């Protein structure tokens, strides 16, 4: 691998630990989806609980898919 200065960089550990922006976005959406799902316990109406369940589930699903695709691409 060659960097901007023409030197070769054979350090593979940095490539193994950098998972990319897709994994970071997936992690953020997954944590945010869990936070929205935890709001079910603090909502008093059944309509609010259903909305929190749907939104949190969608965010969590998108986050899991993004993490999977980010890890698969490395």
PDB file of N, CA and C in Angstrom:
ATOM      1  N   UNK A   1       0.841  -1.161   0.000  1.00  0.00           N
ATOM      2  CA  UNK A   1       0.000   0.000   0.000  1.00  0.00           C
ATOM      3  C   UNK A   1       0.896   1.237   0.000  1.00  0.00           C
ATOM      4  N   UNK A   2       0.510   2.252  -0.750  1.00  0.00           N
ATOM      5  CA  UNK A   2       1.323   3.444  -0.870  1.00  0.00           C
ATOM      6  C   UNK A   2       0.512   4.655  -0.407  1.00  0.00           C
ATOM      7  N   UNK A   3       1.126   5.487   0.429  1.00  0.00           N
ATOM      8  CA  UNK A   3       0.407   6.661   0.913  1.00  0.00           C
ATOM      9  C   UNK A   3       0.709   7.866   0.023  1.00  0.00           C
ATOM     10  N   UNK A   4       0.327   9.066   0.454  1.00  0.00           N
ATOM     11  CA  UNK A   4       0.455  10.267  -0.364  1.00  0.00           C
ATOM     12  C   UNK A   4       1.896  10.691  -0.604  1.00  0.00           C
ATOM     13  N   UNK A   5       2.824  10.261   0.227  1.00  0.00           N
ATOM     14  CA  UNK A   5       4.203  10.708   0.113  1.00  0.00           C
ATOM     15  C   UNK A   5       5.079   9.728  -0.652  1.00  0.00           C
ATOM     16  N   UNK A   6       4.496   8.688  -1.218  1.00  0.00           N
ATOM     17  CA  UNK A   6       5.269   7.732  -1.997  1.00  0.00           C
ATOM     18  C   UNK A   6       5.905   6.634  -1.177  1.00  0.00           C
ATOM     19  N   UNK A   7       5.694   6.642   0.130  1.00  0.00           N
ATOM     20  CA  UNK A   7       6.263   5.598   0.982  1.00  0.00           C
ATOM     21  C   UNK A   7       5.291   4.421   1.026  1.00  0.00           C
ATOM     22  N   UNK A   8       5.839   3.253   1.183  1.00  0.00           N
ATOM     23  CA  UNK A   8       4.976   2.086   1.302  1.00  0.00           C
ATOM     24  C   UNK A   8       4.574   1.905   2.755  1.00  0.00           C
ATOM     25  N   UNK A   9       3.360   1.524   2.949  1.00  0.00           N
ATOM     26  CA  UNK A   9       2.823   1.311   4.287  1.00  0.00           C
ATOM     27  C   UNK A   9       2.266  -0.108   4.332  1.00  0.00           C
ATOM     28  N   UNK A  10       2.989  -1.004   4.993  1.00  0.00           N
ATOM     29  CA  UNK A  10       2.557  -2.392   5.077  1.00  0.00           C
ATOM     30  C   UNK A  10       1.931  -2.725   6.421  1.00  0.00           C
ATOM     31  N   UNK A  11       1.479  -1.723   7.145  1.00  0.00           N
ATOM     32  CA  UNK A  11       0.869  -1.944   8.443  1.00  0.00           C
ATOM     33  C   UNK A  11      -0.572  -2.390   8.247  1.00  0.00           C
ATOM     34  N   UNK A  12      -0.815  -3.687   8.347  1.00  0.00           N
ATOM     35  CA  UNK A  12      -2.148  -4.231   8.115  1.00  0.00           C
ATOM     36  C   UNK A  12      -3.052  -4.102   9.343  1.00  0.00           C
ATOM     37  N   UNK A  13      -2.479  -3.792  10.505  1.00  0.00           N
ATOM     38  CA  UNK A  13      -3.320  -3.679  11.696  1.00  0.00           C
ATOM     39  C   UNK A  13      -4.248  -2.488  11.605  1.00  0.00           C
ATOM     40  N   UNK A  14      -3.820  -1.416  10.958  1.00  0.00           N
ATOM     41  CA  UNK A  14      -4.715  -0.269  10.819  1.00  0.00           C
ATOM     42  C   UNK A  14      -5.883  -0.600   9.899  1.00  0.00           C
ATOM     43  N   UNK A  15      -5.651  -1.451   8.887  1.00  0.00           N
ATOM     44  CA  UNK A  15      -6.733  -1.855   8.001  1.00  0.00           C
ATOM     45  C   UNK A  15      -7.707  -2.787   8.708  1.00  0.00           C
ATOM     46  N   UNK A  16      -7.203  -3.610   9.608  1.00  0.00           N
ATOM     47  CA  UNK A  16      -8.078  -4.530  10.321  1.00  0.00           C
ATOM     48  C   UNK A  16      -8.981  -3.812  11.310  1.00  0.00           C
ATOM     49  N   UNK A  17      -8.526  -2.717  11.887  1.00  0.00           N
ATOM     50  CA  UNK A  17      -9.315  -2.039  12.900  1.00  0.00           C
ATOM     51  C   UNK A  17     -10.202  -0.949  12.336  1.00  0.00           C
ATOM     52  N   UNK A  18      -9.920  -0.470  11.135  1.00  0.00           N
ATOM     53  CA  UNK A  18     -10.778   0.550  10.542  1.00  0.00           C
ATOM     54  C   UNK A  18     -11.911  -0.134   9.802  1.00  0.00           C
ATOM     55  N   UNK A  19     -13.104   0.042  10.296  1.00  0.00           N
ATOM     56  CA  UNK A  19     -14.236  -0.669   9.730  1.00  0.00           C
ATOM     57  C   UNK A  19     -15.033   0.187   8.763  1.00  0.00           C
ATOM     58  N   UNK A  20     -14.743   1.464   8.688  1.00  0.00           N
ATOM     59  CA  UNK A  20     -15.371   2.304   7.693  1.00  0.00           C
ATOM     60  C   UNK A  20     -16.556   3.085   8.213  1.00  0.00           C
ATOM     61  N   UNK A  21     -16.986   4.032   7.414  1.00  0.00           N
ATOM     62  CA  UNK A  21     -18.086   4.904   7.840  1.00  0.00           C
ATOM     63  C   UNK A  21     -19.438   4.204   7.879  1.00  0.00           C
ATOM     64  N   UNK A  22     -19.624   3.174   7.060  1.00  0.00           N
ATOM     65  CA  UNK A  22     -20.906   2.481   7.060  1.00  0.00           C
ATOM     66  C   UNK A  22     -21.147   1.772   8.386  1.00  0.00           C
ATOM     67  N   UNK A  23     -20.109   1.201   8.956  1.00  0.00           N
ATOM     68  CA  UNK A  23     -20.237   0.552  10.258  1.00  0.00           C
ATOM     69  C   UNK A  23     -20.500   1.572  11.354  1.00  0.00           C
ATOM     70  N   UNK A  24     -19.862   2.741  11.264  1.00  0.00           N
ATOM     71  CA  UNK A  24     -20.080   3.781  12.268  1.00  0.00           C
ATOM     72  C   UNK A  24     -21.511   4.311  12.214  1.00  0.00           C
ATOM     73  N   UNK A  25     -22.020   4.507  11.011  1.00  0.00           N
ATOM     74  CA  UNK A  25     -23.412   4.970  10.870  1.00  0.00           C
ATOM     75  C   UNK A  25     -24.366   3.898  11.377  1.00  0.00           C
ATOM     76  N   UNK A  26     -24.067   2.648  11.072  1.00  0.00           N
ATOM     77  CA  UNK A  26     -24.904   1.553  11.559  1.00  0.00           C
ATOM     78  C   UNK A  26     -24.897   1.446  13.067  1.00  0.00           C
ATOM     79  N   UNK A  27     -23.743   1.666  13.669  1.00  0.00           N
ATOM     80  CA  UNK A  27     -23.664   1.636  15.128  1.00  0.00           C
ATOM     81  C   UNK A  27     -24.476   2.778  15.744  1.00  0.00           C
ATOM     82  N   UNK A  28     -24.371   3.962  15.146  1.00  0.00           N
ATOM     83  CA  UNK A  28     -25.151   5.099  15.638  1.00  0.00           C
ATOM     84  C   UNK A  28     -26.648   4.828  15.516  1.00  0.00           C
ATOM     85  N   UNK A  29     -27.088   4.340  14.368  1.00  0.00           N
ATOM     86  CA  UNK A  29     -28.520   4.075  14.184  1.00  0.00           C
ATOM     87  C   UNK A  29     -29.000   2.955  15.098  1.00  0.00           C
ATOM     88  N   UNK A  30     -28.152   1.963  15.330  1.00  0.00           N
ATOM     89  CA  UNK A  30     -28.541   0.887  16.234  1.00  0.00           C
ATOM     90  C   UNK A  30     -28.713   1.359  17.668  1.00  0.00           C
ATOM     91  N   UNK A  31     -27.782   2.182  18.134  1.00  0.00           N
ATOM     92  CA  UNK A  31     -27.887   2.721  19.500  1.00  0.00           C
ATOM     93  C   UNK A  31     -29.089   3.648  19.611  1.00  0.00           C
ATOM     94  N   UNK A  32     -29.315   4.457  18.573  1.00  0.00           N
ATOM     95  CA  UNK A  32     -30.468   5.362  18.592  1.00  0.00           C
ATOM     96  C   UNK A  32     -31.776   4.571  18.537  1.00  0.00           C
ATOM     97  N   UNK A  33     -31.793   3.472  17.786  1.00  0.00           N
ATOM     98  CA  UNK A  33     -32.980   2.616  17.748  1.00  0.00           C
ATOM     99  C   UNK A  33     -33.270   1.980  19.098  1.00  0.00           C
ATOM    100  N   UNK A  34     -32.221   1.576  19.807  1.00  0.00           N
ATOM    101  CA  UNK A  34     -32.411   1.019  21.159  1.00  0.00           C
ATOM    102  C   UNK A  34     -32.939   2.095  22.102  1.00  0.00           C
ATOM    103  N   UNK A  35     -32.454   3.330  21.952  1.00  0.00           N
ATOM    104  CA  UNK A  35     -32.947   4.428  22.786  1.00  0.00           C
ATOM    105  C   UNK A  35     -34.421   4.695  22.520  1.00  0.00           C
ATOM    106  N   UNK A  36     -34.823   4.650  21.265  1.00  0.00           N
ATOM    107  CA  UNK A  36     -36.240   4.864  20.937  1.00  0.00           C
ATOM    108  C   UNK A  36     -37.081   3.700  21.461  1.00  0.00           C
ATOM    109  N   UNK A  37     -36.561   2.490  21.343  1.00  0.00           N
ATOM    110  CA  UNK A  37     -37.295   1.343  21.883  1.00  0.00           C
ATOM    111  C   UNK A  37     -37.428   1.417  23.404  1.00  0.00           C
ATOM    112  N   UNK A  38     -36.436   1.966  24.074  1.00  0.00           N
ATOM    113  CA  UNK A  38     -36.543   2.091  25.532  1.00  0.00           C
ATOM    114  C   UNK A  38     -37.588   3.129  25.925  1.00  0.00           C
ATOM    115  N   UNK A  39     -37.946   4.013  24.992  1.00  0.00           N
ATOM    116  CA  UNK A  39     -38.993   4.996  25.261  1.00  0.00           C
ATOM    117  C   UNK A  39     -40.371   4.374  25.396  1.00  0.00           C
ATOM    118  N   UNK A  40     -40.510   3.111  25.013  1.00  0.00           N
ATOM    119  CA  UNK A  40     -41.791   2.421  25.164  1.00  0.00           C
ATOM    120  C   UNK A  40     -42.199   2.373  26.636  1.00  0.00           C
ATOM    121  N   UNK A  41     -41.223   2.209  27.509  1.00  0.00           N
ATOM    122  CA  UNK A  41     -41.525   2.084  28.939  1.00  0.00           C
ATOM    123  C   UNK A  41     -41.967   3.402  29.561  1.00  0.00           C
ATOM    124  N   UNK A  42     -41.673   4.524  28.906  1.00  0.00           N
ATOM    125  CA  UNK A  42     -42.015   5.828  29.461  1.00  0.00           C
ATOM    126  C   UNK A  42     -43.209   6.476  28.765  1.00  0.00           C
ATOM    127  N   UNK A  43     -43.805   5.790  27.798  1.00  0.00           N
ATOM    128  CA  UNK A  43     -44.947   6.311  27.068  1.00  0.00           C
ATOM    129  C   UNK A  43     -46.215   5.771  27.699  1.00  0.00           C
ATOM    130  N   UNK A  44     -47.198   6.641  27.877  1.00  0.00           N
ATOM    131  CA  UNK A  44     -48.412   6.242  28.580  1.00  0.00           C
ATOM    132  C   UNK A  44     -49.503   5.724  27.641  1.00  0.00           C
ATOM    133  N   UNK A  45     -49.552   6.203  26.406  1.00  0.00           N
ATOM    134  CA  UNK A  45     -50.628   5.798  25.505  1.00  0.00           C
ATOM    135  C   UNK A  45     -50.195   4.601  24.659  1.00  0.00           C
ATOM    136  N   UNK A  46     -51.180   3.824  24.243  1.00  0.00           N
ATOM    137  CA  UNK A  46     -50.870   2.659  23.412  1.00  0.00           C
ATOM    138  C   UNK A  46     -50.418   3.097  22.022  1.00  0.00           C
ATOM    139  N   UNK A  47     -50.956   4.210  21.528  1.00  0.00           N
ATOM    140  CA  UNK A  47     -50.533   4.719  20.225  1.00  0.00           C
ATOM    141  C   UNK A  47     -49.059   5.122  20.260  1.00  0.00           C
ATOM    142  N   UNK A  48     -48.634   5.765  21.316  1.00  0.00           N
ATOM    143  CA  UNK A  48     -47.237   6.152  21.454  1.00  0.00           C
ATOM    144  C   UNK A  48     -46.312   4.953  21.558  1.00  0.00           C
ATOM    145  N   UNK A  49     -46.773   3.914  22.246  1.00  0.00           N
ATOM    146  CA  UNK A  49     -45.961   2.698  22.367  1.00  0.00           C
ATOM    147  C   UNK A  49     -45.799   2.011  21.016  1.00  0.00           C
ATOM    148  N   UNK A  50     -46.866   1.987  20.226  1.00  0.00           N
ATOM    149  CA  UNK A  50     -46.791   1.362  18.903  1.00  0.00           C
ATOM    150  C   UNK A  50     -45.868   2.163  17.985  1.00  0.00           C
ATOM    151  N   UNK A  51     -45.961   3.503  18.038  1.00  0.00           N
ATOM    152  CA  UNK A  51     -45.101   4.354  17.217  1.00  0.00           C
ATOM    153  C   UNK A  51     -43.634   4.166  17.623  1.00  0.00           C
ATOM    154  N   UNK A  52     -43.367   4.141  18.922  1.00  0.00           N
ATOM    155  CA  UNK A  52     -41.995   3.916  19.385  1.00  0.00           C
ATOM    156  C   UNK A  52     -41.481   2.544  18.951  1.00  0.00           C
ATOM    157  N   UNK A  53     -42.336   1.551  18.997  1.00  0.00           N
ATOM    158  CA  UNK A  53     -41.945   0.206  18.587  1.00  0.00           C
ATOM    159  C   UNK A  53     -41.608   0.170  17.096  1.00  0.00           C
ATOM    160  N   UNK A  54     -42.445   0.785  16.277  1.00  0.00           N
ATOM    161  CA  UNK A  54     -42.188   0.771  14.838  1.00  0.00           C
ATOM    162  C   UNK A  54     -40.936   1.572  14.485  1.00  0.00           C
ATOM    163  N   UNK A  55     -40.817   2.786  15.016  1.00  0.00           N
ATOM    164  CA  UNK A  55     -39.657   3.627  14.681  1.00  0.00           C
ATOM    165  C   UNK A  55     -38.361   3.030  15.216  1.00  0.00           C
ATOM    166  N   UNK A  56     -38.373   2.572  16.455  1.00  0.00           N
ATOM    167  CA  UNK A  56     -37.177   1.957  17.030  1.00  0.00           C
ATOM    168  C   UNK A  56     -36.785   0.686  16.306  1.00  0.00           C
ATOM    169  N   UNK A  57     -37.780  -0.110  15.922  1.00  0.00           N
ATOM    170  CA  UNK A  57     -37.492  -1.340  15.189  1.00  0.00           C
ATOM    171  C   UNK A  57     -36.898  -1.070  13.816  1.00  0.00           C
ATOM    172  N   UNK A  58     -37.436  -0.057  13.130  1.00  0.00           N
ATOM    173  CA  UNK A  58     -36.901   0.293  11.806  1.00  0.00           C
ATOM    174  C   UNK A  58     -35.475   0.807  11.930  1.00  0.00           C
ATOM    175  N   UNK A  59     -35.228   1.693  12.901  1.00  0.00           N
ATOM    176  CA  UNK A  59     -33.868   2.213  13.092  1.00  0.00           C
ATOM    177  C   UNK A  59     -32.892   1.105  13.455  1.00  0.00           C
ATOM    178  N   UNK A  60     -33.311   0.216  14.325  1.00  0.00           N
ATOM    179  CA  UNK A  60     -32.448  -0.889  14.728  1.00  0.00           C
ATOM    180  C   UNK A  60     -32.173  -1.827  13.553  1.00  0.00           C
ATOM    181  N   UNK A  61     -33.179  -2.103  12.746  1.00  0.00           N
ATOM    182  CA  UNK A  61     -32.997  -2.972  11.585  1.00  0.00           C
ATOM    183  C   UNK A  61     -32.041  -2.344  10.568  1.00  0.00           C
ATOM    184  N   UNK A  62     -32.212  -1.063  10.293  1.00  0.00           N
ATOM    185  CA  UNK A  62     -31.313  -0.375   9.366  1.00  0.00           C
ATOM    186  C   UNK A  62     -29.891  -0.358   9.926  1.00  0.00           C
ATOM    187  N   UNK A  63     -29.764  -0.140  11.237  1.00  0.00           N
ATOM    188  CA  UNK A  63     -28.443  -0.150  11.863  1.00  0.00           C
ATOM    189  C   UNK A  63     -27.762  -1.497  11.763  1.00  0.00           C
ATOM    190  N   UNK A  64     -28.498  -2.560  11.986  1.00  0.00           N
ATOM    191  CA  UNK A  64     -27.921  -3.908  11.904  1.00  0.00           C
ATOM    192  C   UNK A  64     -27.495  -4.217  10.474  1.00  0.00           C
ATOM    193  N   UNK A  65     -28.317  -3.831   9.498  1.00  0.00           N
ATOM    194  CA  UNK A  65     -27.966  -4.064   8.099  1.00  0.00           C
ATOM    195  C   UNK A  65     -26.725  -3.265   7.714  1.00  0.00           C
ATOM    196  N   UNK A  66     -26.633  -2.016   8.181  1.00  0.00           N
ATOM    197  CA  UNK A  66     -25.470  -1.186   7.858  1.00  0.00           C
ATOM    198  C   UNK A  66     -24.196  -1.744   8.498  1.00  0.00           C
ATOM    199  N   UNK A  67     -24.289  -2.206   9.730  1.00  0.00           N
ATOM    200  CA  UNK A  67     -23.124  -2.809  10.385  1.00  0.00           C
ATOM    201  C   UNK A  67     -22.695  -4.069   9.644  1.00  0.00           C
ATOM    202  N   UNK A  68     -23.648  -4.888   9.260  1.00  0.00           N
ATOM    203  CA  UNK A  68     -23.331  -6.121   8.533  1.00  0.00           C
ATOM    204  C   UNK A  68     -22.650  -5.811   7.203  1.00  0.00           C
ATOM    205  N   UNK A  69     -23.206  -4.865   6.450  1.00  0.00           N
ATOM    206  CA  UNK A  69     -22.593  -4.511   5.165  1.00  0.00           C
ATOM    207  C   UNK A  69     -21.234  -3.854   5.335  1.00  0.00           C
ATOM    208  N   UNK A  70     -21.076  -3.060   6.382  1.00  0.00           N
ATOM    209  CA  UNK A  70     -19.779  -2.438   6.631  1.00  0.00           C
ATOM    210  C   UNK A  70     -18.707  -3.436   6.986  1.00  0.00           C
ATOM    211  N   UNK A  71     -19.061  -4.451   7.753  1.00  0.00           N
ATOM    212  CA  UNK A  71     -18.096  -5.488   8.112  1.00  0.00           C
ATOM    213  C   UNK A  71     -17.829  -6.429   6.955  1.00  0.00           C
ATOM    214  N   UNK A  72     -18.830  -6.643   6.112  1.00  0.00           N
ATOM    215  CA  UNK A  72     -18.664  -7.542   4.981  1.00  0.00           C
ATOM    216  C   UNK A  72     -17.742  -6.941   3.923  1.00  0.00           C
ATOM    217  N   UNK A  73     -17.709  -5.621   3.803  1.00  0.00           N
ATOM    218  CA  UNK A  73     -16.921  -4.961   2.765  1.00  0.00           C
ATOM    219  C   UNK A  73     -15.441  -4.875   3.102  1.00  0.00           C
ATOM    220  N   UNK A  74     -15.043  -5.092   4.365  1.00  0.00           N
ATOM    221  CA  UNK A  74     -13.625  -4.902   4.673  1.00  0.00           C
ATOM    222  C   UNK A  74     -12.779  -5.987   4.221  1.00  0.00           C
TER     223      UNK A  74
END
